[in-house]
Amino acid sequence: MKVLISGASGLIGNALSRELSAQGHSVRKLVRRRPGRGDEVQWDPASGLLDPALMDDADAVVNLSGAGIGDRPWTRSYVEELYSSRLRPTRTLVAAMQQADRPPAVFLSQSASGYYGDRGDEVLTEESGSGDLLISDICRRWEAEALQAPAATRTVLMRTGVVFSPRGGALGRLLPPLRLGLGGPLGSGRQWWPWLSLPDTAGAAAFLLTSDRSGPVNLSAPEPARLSDITTALGEAYHRPSRLRVPGPVLSAALGRLARELVLASARVRPAALEDAGYRFRHPDLPSVARWLAAGGDGPAR
């Protein structure tokens, strides 16, 4: 397949590009700067500029654009960037598809498990309703833009959980203190985190390109875990204690709204659509992903 990817320079985009290339697919990357390589194509999502002819030559489009959810404090200006960096690129991609003579057969558009909000112990599948957090609203509007793709294009909304990687992402900030024995549960530790390893994030996206699934698909491991269990498993893998709890009020004081939206929120997400479609997880449980992380992410993917 010929696959066009936006956000290819990010954590997930890099991993997916490697995954697709290893499977024999042809990958082209959308970049905002002047292209420096033959597999790069320039676009300007802020101005809505993208040549529709690119869509005529693409079998699939993967939309991974968006400013990092946990990269900076959620000031008013950064919240605006969280919205615009997702809505404008998605709108630009969809407009180019609509104008194409032959729109791509498949459109995978990133979303997030934050769609479900803070739901305690409730088991959440793709059939569950949306939550009332700000991140939930971002995801709803993000998905609504993606669903404007042409009817002939199979559109998949990837509601991705917390991606586990030793280098980057939300977990990348937690690992250094864990390796030093200074880690532990955040808040009560009883909140459910919908985690997924980076190889499974890329593997699931590649799988969805050739499956018959459309609509929302949860990208999370089949065994959801409470944050206290996650920190314990990682501590054991690194042979370090993980008992230094950080109280919720301290997190809220330090991180502001970011704490409630991401760290303290509980989402017990089940990847029902992926399981029903037959995807085989490389890291289906905490022990397997903890071993992979402790090996530096360089161990076997399966």
C-alpha atoms as a PDB file:
ATOM      1  CA  MET A   1       0.000   0.000   0.000  1.00  0.00           C
ATOM      2  CA  LYS A   2       0.978   3.619  -0.517  1.00  0.00           C
ATOM      3  CA  VAL A   3       0.492   5.310   2.858  1.00  0.00           C
ATOM      4  CA  LEU A   4       0.552   9.065   3.505  1.00  0.00           C
ATOM      5  CA  ILE A   5       1.261   9.996   7.145  1.00  0.00           C
ATOM      6  CA  SER A   6       0.909  13.293   8.982  1.00  0.00           C
ATOM      7  CA  GLY A   7       2.747  13.598  12.289  1.00  0.00           C
ATOM      8  CA  ALA A   8       5.300  11.043  11.117  1.00  0.00           C
ATOM      9  CA  SER A   9       8.128  12.644  13.117  1.00  0.00           C
ATOM     10  CA  GLY A  10       6.452  11.975  16.470  1.00  0.00           C
ATOM     11  CA  LEU A  11       6.830   8.960  18.736  1.00  0.00           C
ATOM     12  CA  ILE A  12       3.985   6.977  17.181  1.00  0.00           C
ATOM     13  CA  GLY A  13       4.630   8.269  13.664  1.00  0.00           C
ATOM     14  CA  ASN A  14       8.255   7.116  13.688  1.00  0.00           C
ATOM     15  CA  ALA A  15       7.311   3.688  14.987  1.00  0.00           C
ATOM     16  CA  LEU A  16       4.482   3.297  12.481  1.00  0.00           C
ATOM     17  CA  SER A  17       6.687   4.391   9.571  1.00  0.00           C
ATOM     18  CA  ARG A  18       9.219   1.708  10.489  1.00  0.00           C
ATOM     19  CA  GLU A  19       6.468  -0.892  10.959  1.00  0.00           C
ATOM     20  CA  LEU A  20       4.896  -0.171   7.579  1.00  0.00           C
ATOM     21  CA  SER A  21       8.235  -0.105   5.754  1.00  0.00           C
ATOM     22  CA  ALA A  22       9.164  -3.452   7.317  1.00  0.00           C
ATOM     23  CA  GLN A  23       5.881  -4.874   6.003  1.00  0.00           C
ATOM     24  CA  GLY A  24       6.713  -3.690   2.488  1.00  0.00           C
ATOM     25  CA  HIS A  25       4.409  -0.684   2.318  1.00  0.00           C
ATOM     26  CA  SER A  26       5.473   2.614   0.716  1.00  0.00           C
ATOM     27  CA  VAL A  27       5.419   5.521   3.179  1.00  0.00           C
ATOM     28  CA  ARG A  28       5.276   9.237   2.376  1.00  0.00           C
ATOM     29  CA  LYS A  29       5.488  11.793   5.179  1.00  0.00           C
ATOM     30  CA  LEU A  30       3.766  15.176   5.327  1.00  0.00           C
ATOM     31  CA  VAL A  31       6.090  17.882   6.697  1.00  0.00           C
ATOM     32  CA  ARG A  32       5.630  21.614   7.302  1.00  0.00           C
ATOM     33  CA  ARG A  33       9.217  22.547   6.412  1.00  0.00           C
ATOM     34  CA  ARG A  34      10.885  22.264   3.023  1.00  0.00           C
ATOM     35  CA  PRO A  35      11.202  18.543   2.166  1.00  0.00           C
ATOM     36  CA  GLY A  36      14.703  17.209   2.712  1.00  0.00           C
ATOM     37  CA  ARG A  37      14.140  13.631   1.558  1.00  0.00           C
ATOM     38  CA  GLY A  38      12.403  11.868  -1.277  1.00  0.00           C
ATOM     39  CA  ASP A  39       9.708  10.407   0.990  1.00  0.00           C
ATOM     40  CA  GLU A  40       8.667  13.835   2.329  1.00  0.00           C
ATOM     41  CA  VAL A  41       5.902  16.103   1.007  1.00  0.00           C
ATOM     42  CA  GLN A  42       5.295  19.666   2.182  1.00  0.00           C
ATOM     43  CA  TRP A  43       1.936  20.917   3.422  1.00  0.00           C
ATOM     44  CA  ASP A  44       0.606  23.813   5.481  1.00  0.00           C
ATOM     45  CA  PRO A  45      -2.268  22.632   7.697  1.00  0.00           C
ATOM     46  CA  ALA A  46      -2.497  25.987   9.477  1.00  0.00           C
ATOM     47  CA  SER A  47      -3.513  27.549   6.136  1.00  0.00           C
ATOM     48  CA  GLY A  48      -5.364  24.484   4.880  1.00  0.00           C
ATOM     49  CA  LEU A  49      -2.925  23.948   2.012  1.00  0.00           C
ATOM     50  CA  LEU A  50      -2.481  20.399   0.681  1.00  0.00           C
ATOM     51  CA  ASP A  51      -2.437  19.304  -2.954  1.00  0.00           C
ATOM     52  CA  PRO A  52      -5.469  17.010  -3.525  1.00  0.00           C
ATOM     53  CA  ALA A  53      -3.454  15.168  -6.178  1.00  0.00           C
ATOM     54  CA  LEU A  54      -1.484  13.561  -3.340  1.00  0.00           C
ATOM     55  CA  MET A  55      -4.651  11.739  -2.331  1.00  0.00           C
ATOM     56  CA  ASP A  56      -5.078  10.278  -5.818  1.00  0.00           C
ATOM     57  CA  ASP A  57      -1.742   8.498  -5.352  1.00  0.00           C
ATOM     58  CA  ALA A  58      -2.408   7.284  -1.786  1.00  0.00           C
ATOM     59  CA  ASP A  59      -4.109   4.040  -0.823  1.00  0.00           C
ATOM     60  CA  ALA A  60      -4.337   5.129   2.808  1.00  0.00           C
ATOM     61  CA  VAL A  61      -3.881   8.222   4.968  1.00  0.00           C
ATOM     62  CA  VAL A  62      -2.857   8.179   8.630  1.00  0.00           C
ATOM     63  CA  ASN A  63      -3.471  11.324  10.653  1.00  0.00           C
ATOM     64  CA  LEU A  64      -1.235  11.605  13.750  1.00  0.00           C
ATOM     65  CA  SER A  65      -1.036  15.394  13.964  1.00  0.00           C
ATOM     66  CA  GLY A  66      -1.404  17.138  17.315  1.00  0.00           C
ATOM     67  CA  ALA A  67       0.573  18.959  19.990  1.00  0.00           C
ATOM     68  CA  GLY A  68       1.647  16.764  22.896  1.00  0.00           C
ATOM     69  CA  ILE A  69      -1.095  16.422  25.515  1.00  0.00           C
ATOM     70  CA  GLY A  70       1.367  16.329  28.408  1.00  0.00           C
ATOM     71  CA  ASP A  71       4.192  18.403  26.964  1.00  0.00           C
ATOM     72  CA  ARG A  72       3.306  21.692  28.679  1.00  0.00           C
ATOM     73  CA  PRO A  73       0.997  23.072  31.384  1.00  0.00           C
ATOM     74  CA  TRP A  74      -2.562  23.598  30.171  1.00  0.00           C
ATOM     75  CA  THR A  75      -2.605  27.370  29.993  1.00  0.00           C
ATOM     76  CA  ARG A  76      -5.371  29.004  27.984  1.00  0.00           C
ATOM     77  CA  SER A  77      -3.049  29.487  25.002  1.00  0.00           C
ATOM     78  CA  TYR A  78      -1.826  25.887  25.107  1.00  0.00           C
ATOM     79  CA  VAL A  79      -5.376  24.546  25.316  1.00  0.00           C
ATOM     80  CA  GLU A  80      -6.116  26.517  22.144  1.00  0.00           C
ATOM     81  CA  GLU A  81      -3.075  24.884  20.553  1.00  0.00           C
ATOM     82  CA  LEU A  82      -4.279  21.423  21.633  1.00  0.00           C
ATOM     83  CA  TYR A  83      -7.499  22.073  19.724  1.00  0.00           C
ATOM     84  CA  SER A  84      -6.068  23.812  16.657  1.00  0.00           C
ATOM     85  CA  SER A  85      -3.145  21.407  16.170  1.00  0.00           C
ATOM     86  CA  ARG A  86      -5.667  18.586  15.833  1.00  0.00           C
ATOM     87  CA  LEU A  87      -8.665  20.153  14.145  1.00  0.00           C
ATOM     88  CA  ARG A  88      -6.876  22.129  11.410  1.00  0.00           C
ATOM     89  CA  PRO A  89      -4.681  19.266  10.106  1.00  0.00           C
ATOM     90  CA  THR A  90      -7.630  16.854  10.167  1.00  0.00           C
ATOM     91  CA  ARG A  91      -9.796  19.383   8.335  1.00  0.00           C
ATOM     92  CA  THR A  92      -7.048  19.934   5.750  1.00  0.00           C
ATOM     93  CA  LEU A  93      -6.615  16.197   5.111  1.00  0.00           C
ATOM     94  CA  VAL A  94     -10.352  15.648   4.774  1.00  0.00           C
ATOM     95  CA  ALA A  95     -10.757  18.597   2.395  1.00  0.00           C
ATOM     96  CA  ALA A  96      -8.004  17.204   0.141  1.00  0.00           C
ATOM     97  CA  MET A  97      -9.716  13.801   0.138  1.00  0.00           C
ATOM     98  CA  GLN A  98     -13.022  15.404  -0.799  1.00  0.00           C
ATOM     99  CA  GLN A  99     -11.380  17.203  -3.727  1.00  0.00           C
ATOM    100  CA  ALA A 100      -9.446  14.168  -4.963  1.00  0.00           C
ATOM    101  CA  ASP A 101     -10.517  12.353  -8.112  1.00  0.00           C
ATOM    102  CA  ARG A 102      -9.774   9.057  -6.379  1.00  0.00           C
ATOM    103  CA  PRO A 103      -9.857   9.443  -2.596  1.00  0.00           C
ATOM    104  CA  PRO A 104      -7.872   6.946  -0.504  1.00  0.00           C
ATOM    105  CA  ALA A 105      -9.589   3.731   0.498  1.00  0.00           C
ATOM    106  CA  VAL A 106      -8.618   4.051   4.173  1.00  0.00           C
ATOM    107  CA  PHE A 107      -8.274   6.934   6.638  1.00  0.00           C
ATOM    108  CA  LEU A 108      -6.873   6.254  10.113  1.00  0.00           C
ATOM    109  CA  SER A 109      -7.281   9.305  12.322  1.00  0.00           C
ATOM    110  CA  GLN A 110      -5.795   9.580  15.771  1.00  0.00           C
ATOM    111  CA  SER A 111      -7.989  10.190  18.798  1.00  0.00           C
ATOM    112  CA  ALA A 112      -7.420   9.317  22.458  1.00  0.00           C
ATOM    113  CA  SER A 113      -8.855   7.302  25.329  1.00  0.00           C
ATOM    114  CA  GLY A 114      -9.467  10.687  26.949  1.00  0.00           C
ATOM    115  CA  TYR A 115     -12.685  10.593  24.900  1.00  0.00           C
ATOM    116  CA  TYR A 116     -14.223   8.600  27.762  1.00  0.00           C
ATOM    117  CA  GLY A 117     -13.232  11.020  30.518  1.00  0.00           C
ATOM    118  CA  ASP A 118     -12.934  10.032  34.197  1.00  0.00           C
ATOM    119  CA  ARG A 119     -15.174   6.952  34.626  1.00  0.00           C
ATOM    120  CA  GLY A 120     -13.900   5.147  37.729  1.00  0.00           C
ATOM    121  CA  ASP A 121     -14.256   1.336  37.513  1.00  0.00           C
ATOM    122  CA  GLU A 122     -16.727   1.317  34.583  1.00  0.00           C
ATOM    123  CA  VAL A 123     -15.605  -0.984  31.756  1.00  0.00           C
ATOM    124  CA  LEU A 124     -15.412   1.114  28.583  1.00  0.00           C
ATOM    125  CA  THR A 125     -15.702  -0.217  25.037  1.00  0.00           C
ATOM    126  CA  GLU A 126     -16.157   1.539  21.733  1.00  0.00           C
ATOM    127  CA  GLU A 127     -19.902   1.590  22.446  1.00  0.00           C
ATOM    128  CA  SER A 128     -19.467   3.676  25.617  1.00  0.00           C
ATOM    129  CA  GLY A 129     -20.395   7.335  25.647  1.00  0.00           C
ATOM    130  CA  SER A 130     -18.027  10.274  25.941  1.00  0.00           C
ATOM    131  CA  GLY A 131     -16.944  11.938  29.182  1.00  0.00           C
ATOM    132  CA  ASP A 132     -17.089  15.482  30.493  1.00  0.00           C
ATOM    133  CA  LEU A 133     -13.394  16.393  30.678  1.00  0.00           C
ATOM    134  CA  LEU A 134     -11.807  18.981  28.414  1.00  0.00           C
ATOM    135  CA  ILE A 135      -9.800  16.222  26.719  1.00  0.00           C
ATOM    136  CA  SER A 136     -13.130  14.484  26.027  1.00  0.00           C
ATOM    137  CA  ASP A 137     -14.346  17.560  24.148  1.00  0.00           C
ATOM    138  CA  ILE A 138     -11.082  17.770  22.191  1.00  0.00           C
ATOM    139  CA  CYS A 139     -11.509  14.143  21.120  1.00  0.00           C
ATOM    140  CA  ARG A 140     -15.177  14.563  20.158  1.00  0.00           C
ATOM    141  CA  ARG A 141     -14.424  17.540  17.937  1.00  0.00           C
ATOM    142  CA  TRP A 142     -11.317  15.831  16.521  1.00  0.00           C
ATOM    143  CA  GLU A 143     -13.316  12.740  15.594  1.00  0.00           C
ATOM    144  CA  ALA A 144     -16.145  14.820  14.127  1.00  0.00           C
ATOM    145  CA  GLU A 145     -13.691  16.427  11.683  1.00  0.00           C
ATOM    146  CA  ALA A 146     -12.337  13.012  10.638  1.00  0.00           C
ATOM    147  CA  LEU A 147     -15.828  11.671  10.002  1.00  0.00           C
ATOM    148  CA  GLN A 148     -16.268  14.266   7.232  1.00  0.00           C
ATOM    149  CA  ALA A 149     -14.041  12.102   5.011  1.00  0.00           C
ATOM    150  CA  PRO A 150     -15.645  10.849   1.777  1.00  0.00           C
ATOM    151  CA  ALA A 151     -18.184   8.055   2.178  1.00  0.00           C
ATOM    152  CA  ALA A 152     -16.045   5.824  -0.051  1.00  0.00           C
ATOM    153  CA  THR A 153     -13.147   6.094   2.430  1.00  0.00           C
ATOM    154  CA  ARG A 154     -13.202   3.651   5.344  1.00  0.00           C
ATOM    155  CA  THR A 155     -12.529   5.857   8.370  1.00  0.00           C
ATOM    156  CA  VAL A 156     -11.105   4.550  11.645  1.00  0.00           C
ATOM    157  CA  LEU A 157     -10.909   6.633  14.831  1.00  0.00           C
ATOM    158  CA  MET A 158      -7.978   5.343  16.894  1.00  0.00           C
ATOM    159  CA  ARG A 159      -8.724   6.078  20.558  1.00  0.00           C
ATOM    160  CA  THR A 160      -5.181   5.560  21.805  1.00  0.00           C
ATOM    161  CA  GLY A 161      -4.324   5.084  25.463  1.00  0.00           C
ATOM    162  CA  VAL A 162      -1.087   5.868  27.323  1.00  0.00           C
ATOM    163  CA  VAL A 163       1.717   4.698  25.033  1.00  0.00           C
ATOM    164  CA  PHE A 164       4.527   2.898  26.871  1.00  0.00           C
ATOM    165  CA  SER A 165       7.995   3.540  25.487  1.00  0.00           C
ATOM    166  CA  PRO A 166      11.385   3.855  27.183  1.00  0.00           C
ATOM    167  CA  ARG A 167      12.107   6.929  25.083  1.00  0.00           C
ATOM    168  CA  GLY A 168       9.398   9.564  24.978  1.00  0.00           C
ATOM    169  CA  GLY A 169       5.711   9.742  25.699  1.00  0.00           C
ATOM    170  CA  ALA A 170       4.051   9.990  29.100  1.00  0.00           C
ATOM    171  CA  LEU A 171       5.907   6.982  30.499  1.00  0.00           C
ATOM    172  CA  GLY A 172       9.248   8.424  29.393  1.00  0.00           C
ATOM    173  CA  ARG A 173       8.861  11.052  32.130  1.00  0.00           C
ATOM    174  CA  LEU A 174       8.064   8.467  34.813  1.00  0.00           C
ATOM    175  CA  LEU A 175      10.861   6.008  34.081  1.00  0.00           C
ATOM    176  CA  PRO A 176      13.895   8.037  35.282  1.00  0.00           C
ATOM    177  CA  PRO A 177      12.636   8.311  38.899  1.00  0.00           C
ATOM    178  CA  LEU A 178      11.496   4.674  38.808  1.00  0.00           C
ATOM    179  CA  ARG A 179      14.957   3.559  37.755  1.00  0.00           C
ATOM    180  CA  LEU A 180      16.356   5.469  40.759  1.00  0.00           C
ATOM    181  CA  GLY A 181      13.886   3.918  43.166  1.00  0.00           C
ATOM    182  CA  LEU A 182      12.046   7.230  43.559  1.00  0.00           C
ATOM    183  CA  GLY A 183       8.844   6.274  41.772  1.00  0.00           C
ATOM    184  CA  GLY A 184       5.456   5.203  43.012  1.00  0.00           C
ATOM    185  CA  PRO A 185       1.703   5.637  42.595  1.00  0.00           C
ATOM    186  CA  LEU A 186       0.352   9.018  41.585  1.00  0.00           C
ATOM    187  CA  GLY A 187      -2.692  10.087  43.555  1.00  0.00           C
ATOM    188  CA  SER A 188      -4.627   7.145  44.995  1.00  0.00           C
ATOM    189  CA  GLY A 189      -3.034   4.772  42.492  1.00  0.00           C
ATOM    190  CA  ARG A 190      -6.454   3.156  42.016  1.00  0.00           C
ATOM    191  CA  GLN A 191      -7.158   4.951  38.732  1.00  0.00           C
ATOM    192  CA  TRP A 192      -7.192   2.753  35.630  1.00  0.00           C
ATOM    193  CA  TRP A 193      -4.700   3.644  32.893  1.00  0.00           C
ATOM    194  CA  PRO A 194      -5.471   2.358  29.361  1.00  0.00           C
ATOM    195  CA  TRP A 195      -1.863   1.553  28.461  1.00  0.00           C
ATOM    196  CA  LEU A 196      -0.358   0.109  25.266  1.00  0.00           C
ATOM    197  CA  SER A 197       3.239  -0.567  24.262  1.00  0.00           C
ATOM    198  CA  LEU A 198       4.707   1.435  21.390  1.00  0.00           C
ATOM    199  CA  PRO A 199       5.201  -1.701  19.216  1.00  0.00           C
ATOM    200  CA  ASP A 200       1.530  -2.593  19.729  1.00  0.00           C
ATOM    201  CA  THR A 201       0.451   0.970  18.956  1.00  0.00           C
ATOM    202  CA  ALA A 202       2.248   0.798  15.602  1.00  0.00           C
ATOM    203  CA  GLY A 203       1.268  -2.827  15.057  1.00  0.00           C
ATOM    204  CA  ALA A 204      -2.412  -2.169  15.707  1.00  0.00           C
ATOM    205  CA  ALA A 205      -2.456   0.827  13.358  1.00  0.00           C
ATOM    206  CA  ALA A 206      -0.818  -1.228  10.608  1.00  0.00           C
ATOM    207  CA  PHE A 207      -3.330  -4.016  11.256  1.00  0.00           C
ATOM    208  CA  LEU A 208      -6.252  -1.584  10.929  1.00  0.00           C
ATOM    209  CA  LEU A 209      -5.059  -0.465   7.500  1.00  0.00           C
ATOM    210  CA  THR A 210      -5.987  -3.853   6.037  1.00  0.00           C
ATOM    211  CA  SER A 211      -8.825  -4.914   8.345  1.00  0.00           C
ATOM    212  CA  ASP A 212     -12.478  -4.189   7.639  1.00  0.00           C
ATOM    213  CA  ARG A 213     -12.992  -2.116  10.815  1.00  0.00           C
ATOM    214  CA  SER A 214     -14.392   1.398  10.697  1.00  0.00           C
ATOM    215  CA  GLY A 215     -15.472   3.917  13.316  1.00  0.00           C
ATOM    216  CA  PRO A 216     -13.935   4.059  16.799  1.00  0.00           C
ATOM    217  CA  VAL A 217     -11.308   1.497  17.799  1.00  0.00           C
ATOM    218  CA  ASN A 218      -9.707   1.470  21.252  1.00  0.00           C
ATOM    219  CA  LEU A 219      -5.931   1.127  21.114  1.00  0.00           C
ATOM    220  CA  SER A 220      -5.140  -0.264  24.550  1.00  0.00           C
ATOM    221  CA  ALA A 221      -3.847  -3.520  26.006  1.00  0.00           C
ATOM    222  CA  PRO A 222      -6.359  -6.330  26.674  1.00  0.00           C
ATOM    223  CA  GLU A 223      -5.479  -6.275  30.378  1.00  0.00           C
ATOM    224  CA  PRO A 224      -6.140  -2.775  31.761  1.00  0.00           C
ATOM    225  CA  ALA A 225      -4.314  -1.962  34.976  1.00  0.00           C
ATOM    226  CA  ARG A 226      -4.497   0.389  37.902  1.00  0.00           C
ATOM    227  CA  LEU A 227      -1.660   2.871  38.151  1.00  0.00           C
ATOM    228  CA  SER A 228      -0.433   1.329  41.416  1.00  0.00           C
ATOM    229  CA  ASP A 229      -0.071  -2.043  39.655  1.00  0.00           C
ATOM    230  CA  ILE A 230       1.766  -0.400  36.759  1.00  0.00           C
ATOM    231  CA  THR A 231       4.338   1.276  39.012  1.00  0.00           C
ATOM    232  CA  THR A 232       4.776  -1.956  41.004  1.00  0.00           C
ATOM    233  CA  ALA A 233       5.376  -4.013  37.857  1.00  0.00           C
ATOM    234  CA  LEU A 234       7.887  -1.483  36.537  1.00  0.00           C
ATOM    235  CA  GLY A 235       9.661  -1.298  39.891  1.00  0.00           C
ATOM    236  CA  GLU A 236      10.021  -5.072  39.932  1.00  0.00           C
ATOM    237  CA  ALA A 237      11.331  -5.119  36.369  1.00  0.00           C
ATOM    238  CA  TYR A 238      13.964  -2.517  37.278  1.00  0.00           C
ATOM    239  CA  HIS A 239      14.607  -4.138  40.672  1.00  0.00           C
ATOM    240  CA  ARG A 240      13.769  -0.880  42.409  1.00  0.00           C
ATOM    241  CA  PRO A 241      11.224   0.011  45.108  1.00  0.00           C
ATOM    242  CA  SER A 242       8.142   1.896  43.928  1.00  0.00           C
ATOM    243  CA  ARG A 243       6.427   3.001  47.107  1.00  0.00           C
ATOM    244  CA  LEU A 244       6.826   6.792  47.078  1.00  0.00           C
ATOM    245  CA  ARG A 245       3.243   7.908  46.572  1.00  0.00           C
ATOM    246  CA  VAL A 246       2.596  11.428  45.289  1.00  0.00           C
ATOM    247  CA  PRO A 247      -0.738  12.684  46.739  1.00  0.00           C
ATOM    248  CA  GLY A 248      -3.379  14.000  44.359  1.00  0.00           C
ATOM    249  CA  PRO A 249      -3.419  17.528  45.852  1.00  0.00           C
ATOM    250  CA  VAL A 250       0.335  17.790  45.316  1.00  0.00           C
ATOM    251  CA  LEU A 251      -0.059  16.738  41.679  1.00  0.00           C
ATOM    252  CA  SER A 252      -2.890  19.208  41.180  1.00  0.00           C
ATOM    253  CA  ALA A 253      -0.844  22.005  42.692  1.00  0.00           C
ATOM    254  CA  ALA A 254       2.141  21.167  40.485  1.00  0.00           C
ATOM    255  CA  LEU A 255       0.361  20.324  37.213  1.00  0.00           C
ATOM    256  CA  GLY A 256      -2.933  22.176  37.455  1.00  0.00           C
ATOM    257  CA  ARG A 257      -5.656  20.954  35.106  1.00  0.00           C
ATOM    258  CA  LEU A 258      -3.239  18.522  33.481  1.00  0.00           C
ATOM    259  CA  ALA A 259      -3.293  16.379  36.637  1.00  0.00           C
ATOM    260  CA  ARG A 260      -7.073  15.906  36.617  1.00  0.00           C
ATOM    261  CA  GLU A 261      -7.298  15.438  32.859  1.00  0.00           C
ATOM    262  CA  LEU A 262      -4.515  12.894  32.416  1.00  0.00           C
ATOM    263  CA  VAL A 263      -2.825  11.622  35.562  1.00  0.00           C
ATOM    264  CA  LEU A 264      -5.708  11.246  38.017  1.00  0.00           C
ATOM    265  CA  ALA A 265      -8.478  10.344  35.561  1.00  0.00           C
ATOM    266  CA  SER A 266      -9.594   6.709  35.506  1.00  0.00           C
ATOM    267  CA  ALA A 267     -10.548   4.953  32.254  1.00  0.00           C
ATOM    268  CA  ARG A 268     -10.920   1.167  32.317  1.00  0.00           C
ATOM    269  CA  VAL A 269     -10.784   0.751  28.553  1.00  0.00           C
ATOM    270  CA  ARG A 270     -11.233  -2.577  26.776  1.00  0.00           C
ATOM    271  CA  PRO A 271     -10.019  -2.976  23.153  1.00  0.00           C
ATOM    272  CA  ALA A 272     -13.142  -4.846  22.096  1.00  0.00           C
ATOM    273  CA  ALA A 273     -12.911  -4.010  18.374  1.00  0.00           C
ATOM    274  CA  LEU A 274      -9.236  -5.013  18.095  1.00  0.00           C
ATOM    275  CA  GLU A 275      -9.844  -8.281  19.941  1.00  0.00           C
ATOM    276  CA  ASP A 276     -12.891  -9.099  17.827  1.00  0.00           C
ATOM    277  CA  ALA A 277     -10.906  -8.368  14.651  1.00  0.00           C
ATOM    278  CA  GLY A 278      -8.208 -10.841  15.714  1.00  0.00           C
ATOM    279  CA  TYR A 279      -5.277  -8.553  16.448  1.00  0.00           C
ATOM    280  CA  ARG A 280      -2.496 -10.410  18.310  1.00  0.00           C
ATOM    281  CA  PHE A 281      -0.943  -8.213  20.977  1.00  0.00           C
ATOM    282  CA  ARG A 282       2.816  -8.273  21.360  1.00  0.00           C
ATOM    283  CA  HIS A 283       2.656  -7.072  24.973  1.00  0.00           C
ATOM    284  CA  PRO A 284      -0.779  -8.099  26.282  1.00  0.00           C
ATOM    285  CA  ASP A 285      -0.030  -7.764  30.002  1.00  0.00           C
ATOM    286  CA  LEU A 286       2.087  -5.824  32.490  1.00  0.00           C
ATOM    287  CA  PRO A 287       4.831  -8.455  32.977  1.00  0.00           C
ATOM    288  CA  SER A 288       5.549  -8.646  29.237  1.00  0.00           C
ATOM    289  CA  VAL A 289       5.656  -4.883  28.708  1.00  0.00           C
ATOM    290  CA  ALA A 290       7.690  -4.338  31.898  1.00  0.00           C
ATOM    291  CA  ARG A 291      10.331  -6.821  30.691  1.00  0.00           C
ATOM    292  CA  TRP A 292      10.450  -5.081  27.314  1.00  0.00           C
ATOM    293  CA  LEU A 293      10.856  -1.664  28.935  1.00  0.00           C
ATOM    294  CA  ALA A 294      13.548  -2.900  31.336  1.00  0.00           C
ATOM    295  CA  ALA A 295      15.449  -4.192  28.304  1.00  0.00           C
ATOM    296  CA  GLY A 296      15.432  -0.645  26.957  1.00  0.00           C
ATOM    297  CA  GLY A 297      12.795  -1.370  24.348  1.00  0.00           C
ATOM    298  CA  ASP A 298      15.403  -3.318  22.416  1.00  0.00           C
ATOM    299  CA  GLY A 299      14.199  -6.781  23.318  1.00  0.00           C
ATOM    300  CA  PRO A 300      12.020  -8.917  21.056  1.00  0.00           C
ATOM    301  CA  ALA A 301       8.788  -7.284  19.984  1.00  0.00           C
ATOM    302  CA  ARG A 302       6.892 -10.504  20.537  1.00  0.00           C
END
